[in-house]
């Protein structure tokens, strides 16, 4: 639930601090909880890496290069991560059907 139109971005440095629970009040506790819960919900290390790098603002092309996967695979994994996040926020929601 959004209280304002303000968007919070998490940089790579801030994400490292989040992982170590060393954050200041500028990142809302609710967002931190969501990030931790989504990260814990992801089923494998590659998904967690894609999530972490995406939060850091790394492009799909660069994520693919770093993880040795195609940018298309990165985008698919980002979609899976979005669906995990959406289901956490609304357990009644269903991801859209996949139509290749």
Protein backbone atom coordinates (compact mmCIF):
# COMPACT_ATOMS: atom_id res chain seq x y z
CA UNK A 1 0.00 0.00 0.00
CA UNK A 2 1.45 3.36 -1.00
CA UNK A 3 1.11 6.31 1.34
CA UNK A 4 2.51 8.83 -1.12
CA UNK A 5 3.68 9.21 -4.67
CA UNK A 6 7.29 9.06 -3.49
CA UNK A 7 9.29 6.14 -4.89
CA UNK A 8 12.19 4.65 -2.95
CA UNK A 9 15.19 3.32 -4.83
CA UNK A 10 17.69 0.96 -3.27
CA UNK A 11 21.27 1.22 -4.54
CA UNK A 12 23.78 -1.62 -4.50
CA UNK A 13 25.49 -0.15 -1.48
CA UNK A 14 22.16 0.24 0.30
CA UNK A 15 21.19 -3.32 -0.63
CA UNK A 16 24.38 -4.60 0.98
CA UNK A 17 23.44 -2.63 4.08
CA UNK A 18 19.92 -4.08 3.93
CA UNK A 19 21.33 -7.59 3.76
CA UNK A 20 23.35 -6.80 6.89
CA UNK A 21 20.40 -5.01 8.54
CA UNK A 22 22.43 -1.78 8.72
CA UNK A 23 19.99 0.72 7.29
CA UNK A 24 18.87 4.13 8.30
CA UNK A 25 15.37 5.56 8.56
CA UNK A 26 15.37 6.73 4.92
CA UNK A 27 14.34 3.25 3.73
CA UNK A 28 10.90 2.39 5.09
CA UNK A 29 10.79 -0.68 7.33
CA UNK A 30 7.89 -2.06 5.29
CA UNK A 31 10.00 -1.99 2.11
CA UNK A 32 12.88 -3.70 3.89
CA UNK A 33 10.55 -6.42 5.13
CA UNK A 34 9.17 -6.92 1.62
CA UNK A 35 12.66 -7.20 0.13
CA UNK A 36 13.72 -9.75 2.74
CA UNK A 37 10.53 -11.78 2.32
CA UNK A 38 10.75 -11.83 -1.46
CA UNK A 39 14.44 -12.74 -1.33
CA UNK A 40 13.64 -15.62 1.05
CA UNK A 41 10.79 -16.77 -1.23
CA UNK A 42 12.98 -17.14 -4.30
CA UNK A 43 13.76 -20.78 -4.98
CA UNK A 44 17.33 -20.58 -6.25
CA UNK A 45 20.48 -18.51 -6.16
CA UNK A 46 20.15 -17.28 -9.75
CA UNK A 47 16.74 -15.77 -9.03
CA UNK A 48 18.13 -14.13 -5.89
CA UNK A 49 21.07 -12.75 -7.89
CA UNK A 50 18.75 -11.36 -10.58
CA UNK A 51 16.59 -9.76 -7.88
CA UNK A 52 19.59 -8.24 -6.09
CA UNK A 53 21.14 -6.89 -9.29
CA UNK A 54 17.78 -5.56 -10.52
CA UNK A 55 17.31 -3.64 -7.28
CA UNK A 56 20.80 -2.24 -7.74
CA UNK A 57 19.63 -0.84 -11.09
CA UNK A 58 21.73 -3.14 -13.29
CA UNK A 59 20.32 -3.57 -16.81
CA UNK A 60 19.07 -6.97 -18.02
CA UNK A 61 21.94 -7.08 -20.53
CA UNK A 62 24.53 -6.49 -17.82
CA UNK A 63 22.84 -8.96 -15.44
CA UNK A 64 22.98 -11.55 -18.21
CA UNK A 65 26.66 -10.88 -18.77
CA UNK A 66 27.47 -11.13 -15.08
CA UNK A 67 25.44 -14.32 -14.54
CA UNK A 68 26.28 -15.92 -17.91
CA UNK A 69 22.66 -16.09 -19.03
CA UNK A 70 20.84 -14.40 -21.90
CA UNK A 71 19.08 -11.05 -21.39
CA UNK A 72 15.84 -12.83 -22.34
CA UNK A 73 16.38 -15.30 -19.48
CA UNK A 74 16.98 -12.35 -17.18
CA UNK A 75 13.67 -10.76 -18.22
CA UNK A 76 11.83 -14.05 -17.67
CA UNK A 77 13.37 -14.35 -14.22
CA UNK A 78 12.41 -10.75 -13.45
CA UNK A 79 8.83 -11.61 -14.40
CA UNK A 80 8.89 -14.62 -12.07
CA UNK A 81 10.23 -12.39 -9.30
CA UNK A 82 7.49 -9.82 -9.94
CA UNK A 83 4.89 -12.58 -9.66
CA UNK A 84 6.39 -13.77 -6.37
CA UNK A 85 6.30 -10.20 -5.08
CA UNK A 86 2.71 -9.67 -6.24
CA UNK A 87 1.55 -12.94 -4.65
CA UNK A 88 3.16 -11.86 -1.39
CA UNK A 89 1.20 -8.61 -1.52
CA UNK A 90 -2.05 -10.24 -2.66
CA UNK A 91 -2.20 -14.02 -2.08
CA UNK A 92 -5.46 -14.20 -4.06
CA UNK A 93 -3.83 -12.87 -7.22
CA UNK A 94 -2.75 -15.19 -9.99
CA UNK A 95 0.06 -14.46 -12.43
CA UNK A 96 -1.00 -13.97 -16.04
CA UNK A 97 -0.96 -17.07 -18.21
CA UNK A 98 2.27 -17.64 -20.09
CA UNK A 99 1.72 -17.62 -23.85
CA UNK A 100 5.01 -18.13 -25.71
